[in-house]
N, C-alpha and C. Protein backbone atom coordinates (compact mmCIF):
# COMPACT_ATOMS: atom_id res chain seq x y z
N UNK A 1 0.91 -1.16 0.64
CA UNK A 1 0.22 0.22 -0.26
C UNK A 1 0.69 0.84 0.27
N UNK A 2 1.93 1.27 0.47
CA UNK A 2 3.11 2.60 0.68
C UNK A 2 2.84 2.49 -0.56
N UNK A 3 3.63 2.27 -1.47
CA UNK A 3 4.43 1.90 -2.73
C UNK A 3 3.21 2.96 -3.64
N UNK A 4 1.80 2.00 -2.97
CA UNK A 4 0.33 2.65 -3.83
C UNK A 4 0.51 4.25 -4.34
N UNK A 5 0.80 4.90 -3.31
CA UNK A 5 0.58 6.64 -3.00
C UNK A 5 1.21 7.20 -3.38
N UNK A 6 3.03 7.06 -3.79
CA UNK A 6 3.54 7.77 -4.51
C UNK A 6 3.99 7.17 -5.99
N UNK A 7 3.09 6.44 -6.00
CA UNK A 7 2.82 6.01 -7.45
C UNK A 7 1.71 6.86 -8.34
N UNK A 8 0.66 7.84 -8.11
CA UNK A 8 0.15 7.97 -8.04
C UNK A 8 0.06 9.78 -7.45
N UNK A 9 0.91 10.07 -7.35
CA UNK A 9 1.16 11.10 -7.08
C UNK A 9 2.27 11.53 -8.20
N UNK A 10 2.48 10.58 -8.41
CA UNK A 10 4.37 10.05 -9.62
C UNK A 10 3.08 10.81 -11.16
N UNK A 11 2.26 10.17 -11.26
CA UNK A 11 0.99 9.97 -11.75
C UNK A 11 0.29 12.07 -11.92
N UNK A 12 -0.23 12.07 -11.08
CA UNK A 12 -1.08 13.01 -11.00
C UNK A 12 0.59 14.66 -11.22
N UNK A 13 1.52 14.33 -11.00
CA UNK A 13 2.35 15.50 -11.59
C UNK A 13 2.25 15.51 -12.87
N UNK A 14 2.32 14.12 -13.54
CA UNK A 14 2.40 13.84 -15.14
C UNK A 14 1.54 14.86 -15.97
N UNK A 15 0.61 14.54 -15.47
CA UNK A 15 -1.32 14.95 -15.42
C UNK A 15 -1.16 16.78 -15.61
N UNK A 16 -0.94 16.60 -13.58
CA UNK A 16 -0.58 18.41 -14.10
C UNK A 16 0.69 18.96 -13.25
N UNK A 17 1.41 19.26 -14.38
CA UNK A 17 2.81 19.63 -13.57
C UNK A 17 2.38 21.81 -13.05
N UNK A 18 3.12 21.83 -12.28
CA UNK A 18 3.00 22.67 -11.48
C UNK A 18 2.18 24.31 -12.29
N UNK A 19 3.53 23.80 -13.61
CA UNK A 19 2.62 25.47 -14.14
C UNK A 19 1.61 25.28 -15.54
N UNK A 20 0.84 24.16 -15.59
CA UNK A 20 0.48 24.03 -15.97
C UNK A 20 -1.06 25.63 -15.92
N UNK A 21 -1.19 25.55 -16.92
CA UNK A 21 -1.82 27.09 -17.62
C UNK A 21 -1.48 28.22 -17.31
N UNK A 22 0.22 27.86 -17.34
CA UNK A 22 0.85 29.32 -17.24
C UNK A 22 1.56 30.10 -18.61
N UNK A 23 2.62 30.57 -18.55
CA UNK A 23 2.98 31.01 -20.23
C UNK A 23 3.56 29.74 -20.51
N UNK A 24 3.61 29.85 -21.88
CA UNK A 24 4.38 28.78 -22.17
C UNK A 24 5.63 28.63 -22.64
N UNK A 25 6.30 27.99 -23.30
CA UNK A 25 7.56 27.79 -23.46
C UNK A 25 8.14 28.91 -24.62
N UNK A 26 6.56 28.87 -25.49
CA UNK A 26 6.77 29.90 -27.01
C UNK A 26 6.18 31.48 -26.56
N UNK A 27 6.30 31.46 -25.31
CA UNK A 27 5.79 33.00 -24.67
C UNK A 27 3.95 32.54 -25.06
N UNK A 28 2.94 31.60 -25.13
CA UNK A 28 1.95 31.72 -24.96
C UNK A 28 1.18 31.56 -23.87
N UNK A 29 -0.29 32.07 -23.99
CA UNK A 29 -0.70 31.51 -22.83
C UNK A 29 -2.18 30.48 -23.70
N UNK A 30 -2.93 29.60 -23.55
CA UNK A 30 -3.60 28.93 -24.47
C UNK A 30 -4.11 29.18 -26.15
N UNK A 31 -2.53 29.02 -26.74
CA UNK A 31 -2.78 29.79 -28.04
C UNK A 31 -2.43 30.63 -28.27
N UNK A 32 -1.78 31.89 -27.22
CA UNK A 32 -2.29 33.66 -27.43
C UNK A 32 -0.71 33.67 -27.05
N UNK A 33 -0.38 34.26 -28.07
CA UNK A 33 1.41 34.98 -27.85
C UNK A 33 0.77 35.72 -27.58
N UNK A 34 2.12 36.06 -26.18
CA UNK A 34 1.84 36.82 -25.13
C UNK A 34 2.75 38.47 -25.49
N UNK A 35 3.03 38.80 -26.91
CA UNK A 35 3.28 39.97 -27.39
C UNK A 35 2.80 40.45 -28.50
N UNK A 36 2.86 41.82 -29.06
CA UNK A 36 2.10 42.32 -29.98
C UNK A 36 0.79 43.84 -29.39
N UNK A 37 -0.16 44.14 -29.90
CA UNK A 37 -1.06 44.99 -29.62
C UNK A 37 -2.01 44.47 -29.27
N UNK A 38 -2.29 45.14 -27.72
CA UNK A 38 -2.80 44.85 -26.88
C UNK A 38 -4.24 45.40 -26.65
N UNK A 39 -5.46 44.90 -26.73
CA UNK A 39 -6.82 46.23 -26.66
C UNK A 39 -7.14 45.87 -24.80
N UNK A 40 -7.21 46.87 -23.72
CA UNK A 40 -7.43 46.46 -22.55
C UNK A 40 -9.40 47.09 -22.67
N UNK A 41 -10.31 45.81 -22.05
CA UNK A 41 -11.30 45.77 -22.42
C UNK A 41 -12.11 45.60 -21.11
N UNK A 42 -13.32 45.74 -20.67
CA UNK A 42 -14.01 45.76 -19.33
C UNK A 42 -14.62 44.90 -19.65
N UNK A 43 -14.87 43.70 -21.04
CA UNK A 43 -16.13 42.93 -20.03
C UNK A 43 -14.75 41.70 -21.90
N UNK A 44 -15.89 40.56 -22.06
CA UNK A 44 -15.14 39.38 -22.76
C UNK A 44 -13.43 39.48 -23.39
N UNK A 45 -12.52 39.47 -22.72
CA UNK A 45 -11.23 39.46 -22.87
C UNK A 45 -10.85 38.25 -23.19
N UNK A 46 -9.59 38.59 -24.20
CA UNK A 46 -8.70 37.23 -24.13
C UNK A 46 -8.45 36.01 -22.77
N UNK A 47 -7.60 37.26 -22.01
CA UNK A 47 -7.00 37.23 -20.95
C UNK A 47 -7.51 37.88 -19.88
N UNK A 48 -7.75 37.28 -18.57
CA UNK A 48 -7.02 38.32 -17.64
C UNK A 48 -6.31 38.21 -17.36
N UNK A 49 -5.61 39.20 -16.44
CA UNK A 49 -4.52 39.41 -16.31
C UNK A 49 -4.66 40.33 -14.79
N UNK A 50 -3.98 40.22 -13.69
CA UNK A 50 -2.77 41.05 -12.43
C UNK A 50 -1.72 41.18 -12.86
N UNK A 51 -2.22 42.72 -12.30
CA UNK A 51 -0.26 43.61 -11.97
C UNK A 51 0.20 43.06 -10.88
N UNK A 52 1.13 42.96 -10.75
CA UNK A 52 1.76 42.60 -9.97
C UNK A 52 2.93 42.89 -9.60
N UNK A 53 3.49 42.89 -8.27
CA UNK A 53 5.56 43.65 -8.27
C UNK A 53 6.12 42.49 -7.77
N UNK A 54 5.96 41.68 -7.74
CA UNK A 54 6.98 40.39 -7.48
C UNK A 54 6.23 38.71 -8.04
N UNK A 55 6.87 38.72 -8.29
CA UNK A 55 6.78 36.49 -9.03
C UNK A 55 5.33 36.97 -9.99
N UNK A 56 5.93 37.80 -10.86
CA UNK A 56 4.97 37.45 -12.18
C UNK A 56 4.87 36.65 -12.89
N UNK A 57 4.28 36.08 -13.72
CA UNK A 57 3.96 35.16 -15.17
C UNK A 57 5.01 35.58 -16.02
N UNK A 58 4.39 36.65 -16.51
CA UNK A 58 5.29 37.62 -17.68
C UNK A 58 5.51 39.06 -17.29
N UNK A 59 6.97 39.21 -17.31
CA UNK A 59 7.60 40.54 -17.67
C UNK A 59 7.19 41.29 -18.48
N UNK A 60 6.36 42.87 -18.42
CA UNK A 60 5.80 43.28 -19.66
C UNK A 60 6.89 44.47 -20.06
N UNK A 61 6.48 44.58 -21.03
CA UNK A 61 8.03 45.88 -21.27
C UNK A 61 6.84 46.92 -22.47
N UNK A 62 6.12 47.86 -21.55
CA UNK A 62 5.09 48.46 -22.45
C UNK A 62 5.89 49.53 -24.07
N UNK A 63 5.43 49.03 -24.93
CA UNK A 63 6.27 50.16 -26.04
C UNK A 63 5.15 50.10 -27.23
N UNK A 64 6.13 51.49 -28.41
CA UNK A 64 5.34 52.51 -29.10
C UNK A 64 5.43 51.75 -30.13
N UNK A 65 5.84 51.00 -30.98
CA UNK A 65 5.73 50.36 -31.75
C UNK A 65 6.98 49.08 -31.94
N UNK A 66 6.67 48.54 -32.93
CA UNK A 66 7.78 46.73 -33.01
C UNK A 66 7.13 45.60 -31.42
N UNK A 67 6.37 44.91 -31.44
CA UNK A 67 5.76 44.19 -30.64
C UNK A 67 6.01 42.82 -30.88
N UNK A 68 6.74 42.94 -31.51
CA UNK A 68 7.54 41.60 -31.95
C UNK A 68 7.98 40.74 -30.58
N UNK A 69 8.56 40.94 -29.84
CA UNK A 69 9.04 39.70 -28.57
C UNK A 69 8.35 39.45 -27.74
N UNK A 70 8.37 37.90 -26.84
CA UNK A 70 7.95 37.73 -25.74
C UNK A 70 7.95 38.67 -24.54
N UNK A 71 6.94 39.19 -24.55
CA UNK A 71 6.47 40.58 -23.13
C UNK A 71 6.68 41.78 -23.85
N UNK A 72 6.68 42.03 -24.96
CA UNK A 72 6.33 43.26 -25.54
C UNK A 72 4.85 44.27 -26.26
N UNK A 73 4.58 44.76 -25.77
CA UNK A 73 3.20 44.86 -25.00
C UNK A 73 2.85 46.11 -26.06
N UNK A 74 2.06 46.69 -26.96
CA UNK A 74 1.52 47.73 -27.03
C UNK A 74 0.77 47.68 -27.01
N UNK A 75 -0.11 48.73 -26.23
CA UNK A 75 -1.77 49.32 -26.52
C UNK A 75 -1.73 49.98 -27.24
N UNK A 76 -3.20 49.61 -27.91
CA UNK A 76 -3.74 50.25 -29.19
C UNK A 76 -4.97 50.26 -28.87
N UNK A 77 -6.30 50.83 -29.25
CA UNK A 77 -7.37 51.54 -28.86
C UNK A 77 -8.52 50.35 -30.35
N UNK A 78 -7.83 50.15 -31.23
CA UNK A 78 -8.20 49.29 -32.18
C UNK A 78 -7.52 48.24 -32.97
N UNK A 79 -8.09 47.20 -33.08
CA UNK A 79 -7.56 46.57 -34.08
C UNK A 79 -6.20 45.09 -33.41
N UNK A 80 -6.86 44.85 -31.61
CA UNK A 80 -5.62 44.40 -31.79
C UNK A 80 -5.43 42.67 -32.07
N UNK A 81 -4.05 41.93 -31.21
CA UNK A 81 -3.96 41.01 -31.80
C UNK A 81 -4.18 40.18 -30.66
N UNK A 82 -4.77 41.10 -29.25
CA UNK A 82 -5.50 40.15 -27.87
C UNK A 82 -5.80 41.36 -27.02
N UNK A 83 -6.78 41.21 -26.43
CA UNK A 83 -7.65 41.60 -25.07
C UNK A 83 -7.93 41.33 -24.16
N UNK A 84 -6.99 41.82 -23.34
CA UNK A 84 -6.78 42.38 -21.64
C UNK A 84 -7.95 42.86 -20.51
N UNK A 85 -7.92 41.86 -19.70
CA UNK A 85 -8.82 43.01 -18.75
C UNK A 85 -8.54 42.83 -17.41
N UNK A 86 -8.44 43.82 -16.84
CA UNK A 86 -7.15 44.33 -15.73
C UNK A 86 -8.38 43.44 -14.37
N UNK A 87 -7.48 42.13 -12.99
CA UNK A 87 -9.03 42.13 -12.83
C UNK A 87 -7.37 41.98 -11.77
N UNK A 88 -8.52 42.19 -10.24
CA UNK A 88 -7.20 41.78 -8.75
C UNK A 88 -7.96 39.88 -8.26
N UNK A 89 -8.25 39.59 -8.79
CA UNK A 89 -8.63 38.15 -8.07
C UNK A 89 -8.14 36.95 -9.30
N UNK A 90 -7.87 36.25 -9.28
CA UNK A 90 -8.33 35.19 -10.07
C UNK A 90 -8.29 35.38 -11.54
N UNK A 91 -6.69 35.72 -12.34
CA UNK A 91 -5.80 35.98 -13.01
C UNK A 91 -5.59 34.32 -13.95
N UNK A 92 -5.64 34.50 -15.08
CA UNK A 92 -5.06 33.62 -16.46
C UNK A 92 -4.28 33.86 -15.88
N UNK A 93 -3.04 34.50 -16.01
CA UNK A 93 -1.45 35.19 -15.75
C UNK A 93 -1.16 36.33 -15.09
N UNK A 94 -0.10 36.32 -14.16
CA UNK A 94 -0.16 38.33 -13.72
C UNK A 94 1.07 38.51 -13.89
N UNK A 95 1.22 39.69 -14.25
CA UNK A 95 2.70 40.65 -15.45
C UNK A 95 3.00 41.26 -14.20
N UNK A 96 4.49 41.70 -14.68
CA UNK A 96 5.01 42.73 -13.56
C UNK A 96 5.11 43.63 -15.07
N UNK A 97 4.95 44.86 -15.15
CA UNK A 97 5.77 46.03 -15.61
C UNK A 97 6.99 46.30 -15.57
N UNK A 98 8.28 46.64 -16.78
CA UNK A 98 9.40 46.36 -16.29
C UNK A 98 9.66 47.49 -17.51
N UNK A 99 11.21 48.33 -17.74
CA UNK A 99 11.58 48.80 -18.54
C UNK A 99 12.54 48.09 -19.87
N UNK A 100 13.18 47.40 -19.23
CA UNK A 100 13.14 46.29 -20.03
C UNK A 100 14.48 44.46 -19.42
N UNK A 101 13.90 44.23 -20.46
CA UNK A 101 14.54 41.84 -20.84
C UNK A 101 12.69 41.90 -20.08
N UNK A 102 11.54 41.75 -21.30
CA UNK A 102 10.80 41.00 -20.74
C UNK A 102 10.40 40.07 -21.39
N UNK A 103 9.89 39.55 -21.03
CA UNK A 103 9.21 37.51 -21.62
C UNK A 103 9.48 37.53 -20.08
N UNK A 104 9.07 35.87 -20.68
CA UNK A 104 8.38 34.51 -19.49
C UNK A 104 9.26 34.51 -18.30
N UNK A 105 8.55 34.90 -17.01
CA UNK A 105 9.92 34.33 -15.93
C UNK A 105 9.84 33.41 -15.19
């Protein structure tokens, strides 16, 4: 019986890794690239985002043009690549604003 519990824990860890649902290795969340033109909305977002000062899932650099690398976001009012809603609880991802070195943490 003692060997049965670790085996279940191992299966659970493989099926549900600790980082499940957060920023993927190719800088995506649920197939949404986490760079590009971003529109802030109050409803029907692609992502719910919480701004934090430590332990972010993604470090975000606000840019005026060329948001072509992981974590570089250009805020726009129309024609976004994806839409975000800022929340204070239950976010899809947590971000921290930075002035350099954006990307997955």
